[in-house]
Amino acid sequence: MDGAIPSGDLKLAAHIAQPARAAAGPRSALVVCHGFPAGPGGALTSAQTYPDLADHLAAETGWTVLAFNFRGTGESEGNFSLEGWLDDVVAVVDHAVDMPRIGGVWVAGSSAGGSLALCAAADDDRIRGVATLAAPADFDDWASDARGLIAQCRSVGVIRDADFPEDVEAWTSEFKTVRPLAAVGGIPPRPLLLMHGSDDSTVPVSDARALADAADGQADLRVIAGAGHRLRHDPRAIAALMGWMERQGVG
């Protein structure tokens, strides 16, 4: 089912996948967060493979799976900001919690979406667990060249309005205040799965190890041999994610 989920004054494009056959009673839900757009099409085609992933996960696990576009990507409204994206995660979790028959909500995210899932879960006990794929431990590199990043955002299309951001300094400061490495310790004892490719040239595997260390050894760290950054296309990562989901469940 395709539709829109409100995030403040904005509407986020969303796809909600339901299992064809589901047991009676409460159902688990997974919110899936994509990463920052790159490659051909940029923001316009960002996350276009995620509805198919959501359908696959729902069919295989019996969960309800919500895939959505962050503000500034796909058909979602708005412009990119890091705190805005964090607000979007919370808004979609709000929506999932209020859906009929949903008895628990988990969050999974790729790259920056995974980092934001960690930050959201640290402040929201309704999120019952987090799985990440190639998540960076911080956004310090993004903050180092604000003007260059804004130019990149305009190039890929996540900043659409000529007068955005109105306050460049405030927009940039969000890359320092949103701290996955500081947040991750607030997730255990809730389940935490950190997946990373050993050959990731975009986000070094040391980020995953740093996140695991910050979780006081209570994370399930999976380094996938020979894998690169786009783990959602690696069947080993998806199999690990489904196994993790099946070990959760509402209860």
Protein backbone atom coordinates (compact mmCIF):
# COMPACT_ATOMS: atom_id res chain seq x y z
CA MET A 1 0.00 0.00 0.00
CA ASP A 2 1.39 3.38 -0.99
CA GLY A 3 0.44 6.59 0.75
CA ALA A 4 1.74 9.51 2.81
CA ILE A 5 2.77 9.85 6.44
CA PRO A 6 2.79 13.30 8.08
CA SER A 7 6.00 14.63 9.60
CA GLY A 8 5.24 18.02 11.08
CA ASP A 9 3.85 20.13 8.23
CA LEU A 10 5.33 17.82 5.58
CA LYS A 11 4.06 14.68 3.90
CA LEU A 12 6.42 11.75 3.47
CA ALA A 13 5.90 9.22 0.69
CA ALA A 14 5.56 5.75 2.18
CA HIS A 15 4.98 2.13 1.25
CA ILE A 16 3.40 -0.18 3.82
CA ALA A 17 3.91 -3.87 3.16
CA GLN A 18 1.61 -6.37 4.83
CA PRO A 19 2.15 -10.13 4.94
CA ALA A 20 -0.21 -12.12 2.73
CA ARG A 21 -0.97 -14.43 5.59
CA ALA A 22 -0.61 -13.31 9.17
CA ALA A 23 -1.38 -14.99 12.45
CA ALA A 24 -4.18 -13.64 14.59
CA GLY A 25 -3.35 -11.20 17.32
CA PRO A 26 -0.73 -8.44 17.59
CA ARG A 27 1.81 -8.09 14.79
CA SER A 28 5.37 -6.78 14.79
CA ALA A 29 6.28 -3.80 12.61
CA LEU A 30 9.59 -2.74 11.10
CA VAL A 31 10.33 0.82 9.98
CA VAL A 32 13.00 0.85 7.25
CA CYS A 33 15.15 3.96 6.79
CA HIS A 34 17.17 4.58 3.62
CA GLY A 35 20.49 6.40 3.34
CA PHE A 36 21.63 9.64 1.77
CA PRO A 37 21.03 9.61 -2.00
CA ALA A 38 23.87 9.05 -4.40
CA GLY A 39 24.37 7.97 -7.97
CA PRO A 40 22.16 8.51 -11.02
CA GLY A 41 18.84 10.16 -10.25
CA GLY A 42 19.94 11.36 -6.82
CA ALA A 43 17.05 12.29 -4.57
CA LEU A 44 14.42 11.63 -7.21
CA THR A 45 15.13 7.90 -7.32
CA SER A 46 16.30 7.62 -3.72
CA ALA A 47 15.00 4.52 -1.95
CA GLN A 48 13.18 3.29 -5.05
CA THR A 49 14.20 -0.31 -4.28
CA TYR A 50 13.00 -0.15 -0.69
CA PRO A 51 9.32 -0.94 -1.37
CA ASP A 52 10.42 -4.22 -2.95
CA LEU A 53 12.62 -4.90 0.07
CA ALA A 54 9.68 -4.14 2.37
CA ASP A 55 7.44 -6.53 0.44
CA HIS A 56 10.09 -9.26 0.64
CA LEU A 57 10.62 -8.82 4.38
CA ALA A 58 6.88 -8.79 5.07
CA ALA A 59 6.29 -11.93 2.99
CA GLU A 60 9.14 -13.85 4.61
CA THR A 61 8.66 -12.82 8.25
CA GLY A 62 4.95 -12.08 8.66
CA TRP A 63 5.74 -8.55 9.86
CA THR A 64 4.25 -5.26 8.71
CA VAL A 65 7.09 -3.30 7.09
CA LEU A 66 7.04 0.45 6.47
CA ALA A 67 9.46 1.93 3.92
CA PHE A 68 9.39 5.69 3.46
CA ASN A 69 11.23 8.56 1.81
CA PHE A 70 12.92 11.08 4.05
CA ARG A 71 12.07 14.75 3.40
CA GLY A 72 13.69 16.03 0.23
CA THR A 73 13.80 12.60 -1.44
CA GLY A 74 11.49 10.75 -3.79
CA GLU A 75 7.98 12.16 -3.63
CA SER A 76 8.33 13.42 -0.06
CA GLU A 77 8.04 17.12 0.60
CA GLY A 78 10.65 19.40 2.13
CA ASN A 79 14.41 19.85 2.14
CA PHE A 80 17.16 17.83 3.76
CA SER A 81 18.39 18.58 7.24
CA LEU A 82 19.79 16.03 9.64
CA GLU A 83 17.46 16.89 12.51
CA GLY A 84 14.60 16.99 10.01
CA TRP A 85 15.44 13.44 8.97
CA LEU A 86 15.55 12.42 12.63
CA ASP A 87 12.10 13.96 13.07
CA ASP A 88 10.94 11.90 10.09
CA VAL A 89 12.03 8.65 11.75
CA VAL A 90 10.05 9.57 14.86
CA ALA A 91 7.01 10.50 12.76
CA VAL A 92 6.99 7.15 10.96
CA VAL A 93 7.42 5.31 14.26
CA ASP A 94 4.43 7.31 15.58
CA HIS A 95 2.43 6.17 12.57
CA ALA A 96 3.46 2.53 13.01
CA VAL A 97 2.59 2.53 16.72
CA ASP A 98 -0.90 3.80 15.92
CA MET A 99 -1.61 1.22 13.20
CA PRO A 100 -4.22 -1.45 13.98
CA ARG A 101 -2.92 -4.73 15.42
CA ILE A 102 0.66 -3.48 15.79
CA GLY A 103 2.06 -4.78 19.05
CA GLY A 104 5.67 -3.59 18.76
CA VAL A 105 7.88 -1.48 16.50
CA TRP A 106 11.51 -2.06 15.48
CA VAL A 107 13.65 0.10 13.19
CA ALA A 108 16.27 -0.82 10.58
CA GLY A 109 18.34 1.60 8.55
CA SER A 110 21.01 1.77 5.87
CA SER A 111 23.99 4.11 6.13
CA ALA A 112 22.82 7.50 7.45
CA GLY A 113 19.36 6.04 7.97
CA GLY A 114 20.88 3.47 10.30
CA SER A 115 22.67 6.15 12.29
CA LEU A 116 19.43 8.09 12.69
CA ALA A 117 17.64 4.90 13.75
CA LEU A 118 20.17 4.59 16.58
CA CYS A 119 19.59 8.20 17.63
CA ALA A 120 15.80 7.84 17.52
CA ALA A 121 15.81 4.62 19.55
CA ALA A 122 18.04 6.08 22.26
CA ASP A 123 15.30 8.61 23.08
CA ASP A 124 12.24 6.44 22.41
CA ASP A 125 11.53 3.32 24.43
CA ARG A 126 8.68 2.44 22.07
CA ILE A 127 11.35 1.27 19.61
CA ARG A 128 12.02 -2.29 20.68
CA GLY A 129 15.22 -2.88 18.74
CA VAL A 130 17.45 -1.54 15.97
CA ALA A 131 19.31 -3.10 13.04
CA THR A 132 21.80 -1.10 10.97
CA LEU A 133 23.51 -1.72 7.66
CA ALA A 134 26.76 0.21 7.10
CA ALA A 135 25.90 2.99 9.54
CA PRO A 136 28.45 5.76 10.20
CA ALA A 137 29.36 6.40 13.82
CA ASP A 138 29.24 10.18 13.37
CA PHE A 139 28.65 12.93 10.82
CA ASP A 140 31.85 14.87 11.43
CA ASP A 141 32.95 14.60 7.79
CA TRP A 142 29.67 16.14 6.67
CA ALA A 143 30.19 19.10 8.99
CA SER A 144 33.72 19.85 7.80
CA ASP A 145 32.65 21.61 4.58
CA ALA A 146 29.19 23.09 4.96
CA ARG A 147 29.17 25.04 1.70
CA GLY A 148 30.40 22.03 -0.23
CA LEU A 149 27.77 19.80 1.36
CA ILE A 150 25.00 22.26 0.55
CA ALA A 151 26.20 22.33 -3.06
CA GLN A 152 26.16 18.53 -3.11
CA CYS A 153 22.66 18.49 -1.61
CA ARG A 154 21.45 20.82 -4.35
CA SER A 155 23.19 18.70 -6.97
CA VAL A 156 21.48 15.45 -5.92
CA GLY A 157 18.19 17.26 -5.27
CA VAL A 158 17.63 16.87 -1.51
CA ILE A 159 17.67 20.66 -1.15
CA ARG A 160 15.06 21.97 -3.56
CA ASP A 161 14.36 25.53 -2.39
CA ALA A 162 16.79 28.29 -3.34
CA ASP A 163 16.50 30.01 0.05
CA PHE A 164 17.14 26.84 2.10
CA PRO A 165 18.76 26.68 4.57
CA GLU A 166 17.97 30.14 5.91
CA ASP A 167 20.62 29.75 8.63
CA VAL A 168 23.63 27.84 7.31
CA GLU A 169 25.36 27.79 10.69
CA ALA A 170 22.35 26.26 12.45
CA TRP A 171 21.86 23.74 9.63
CA THR A 172 25.52 22.72 9.86
CA SER A 173 25.48 22.46 13.67
CA GLU A 174 23.08 19.54 13.42
CA PHE A 175 25.92 17.33 12.15
CA LYS A 176 27.61 17.85 15.51
CA THR A 177 24.55 17.54 17.74
CA VAL A 178 23.16 14.34 16.18
CA ARG A 179 25.64 11.80 17.60
CA PRO A 180 25.06 8.11 16.86
CA LEU A 181 28.17 7.10 18.81
CA ALA A 182 26.85 8.80 21.93
CA ALA A 183 23.31 7.48 21.39
CA VAL A 184 24.00 3.81 20.82
CA GLY A 185 24.77 3.10 24.47
CA GLY A 186 21.18 4.00 25.32
CA ILE A 187 19.72 1.13 23.27
CA PRO A 188 20.73 -2.07 25.13
CA PRO A 189 19.35 -4.23 26.60
CA ARG A 190 17.01 -3.84 23.63
CA PRO A 191 18.23 -5.91 20.64
CA LEU A 192 20.88 -4.21 18.51
CA LEU A 193 22.23 -5.65 15.25
CA LEU A 194 25.15 -3.84 13.56
CA MET A 195 26.02 -5.10 10.07
CA HIS A 196 28.92 -3.80 8.00
CA GLY A 197 30.83 -4.89 4.92
CA SER A 198 34.50 -5.64 5.41
CA ASP A 199 35.28 -3.87 2.10
CA ASP A 200 33.06 -0.81 2.59
CA SER A 201 34.89 2.10 0.92
CA THR A 202 32.24 4.68 1.91
CA VAL A 203 31.96 4.09 5.66
CA PRO A 204 34.91 2.25 7.21
CA VAL A 205 34.19 -0.92 9.13
CA SER A 206 35.89 0.69 12.12
CA ASP A 207 32.71 2.75 12.55
CA ALA A 208 30.71 -0.41 13.22
CA ARG A 209 33.30 -1.59 15.72
CA ALA A 210 33.24 1.79 17.46
CA LEU A 211 29.44 1.62 17.72
CA ALA A 212 29.64 -1.91 19.11
CA ASP A 213 32.21 -0.82 21.70
CA ALA A 214 30.01 2.14 22.70
CA ALA A 215 27.15 -0.33 23.27
CA ASP A 216 29.30 -2.01 25.96
CA GLY A 217 29.55 -5.25 24.05
CA GLN A 218 25.78 -5.74 23.99
CA ALA A 219 25.46 -5.40 20.19
CA ASP A 220 25.39 -8.23 17.69
CA LEU A 221 28.18 -7.12 15.32
CA ARG A 222 28.24 -8.83 11.92
CA VAL A 223 31.12 -7.97 9.57
CA ILE A 224 30.25 -9.45 6.19
CA ALA A 225 33.36 -10.64 4.38
CA GLY A 226 33.99 -9.01 1.00
CA ALA A 227 30.85 -6.88 1.15
CA GLY A 228 30.79 -3.21 0.18
CA HIS A 229 28.56 -0.36 1.31
CA ARG A 230 25.20 -1.23 -0.24
CA LEU A 231 24.38 -4.10 2.05
CA ARG A 232 20.68 -4.13 1.23
CA HIS A 233 21.67 -5.76 -2.07
CA ASP A 234 23.74 -8.46 -0.33
CA PRO A 235 21.64 -11.59 0.31
CA ARG A 236 23.77 -12.46 3.34
CA ALA A 237 22.87 -9.17 5.02
CA ILE A 238 19.17 -9.54 4.24
CA ALA A 239 19.20 -13.12 5.54
CA ALA A 240 20.83 -11.89 8.75
CA LEU A 241 18.22 -9.14 9.06
CA MET A 242 15.35 -11.59 8.60
CA GLY A 243 16.86 -13.97 11.13
CA TRP A 244 17.14 -11.10 13.60
CA MET A 245 13.50 -10.14 12.96
CA GLU A 246 12.32 -13.69 13.50
CA ARG A 247 14.11 -13.79 16.87
CA GLN A 248 12.20 -10.68 18.01
CA GLY A 249 8.48 -10.78 17.55
CA VAL A 250 5.76 -9.38 19.72
CA GLY A 251 5.70 -10.78 23.18
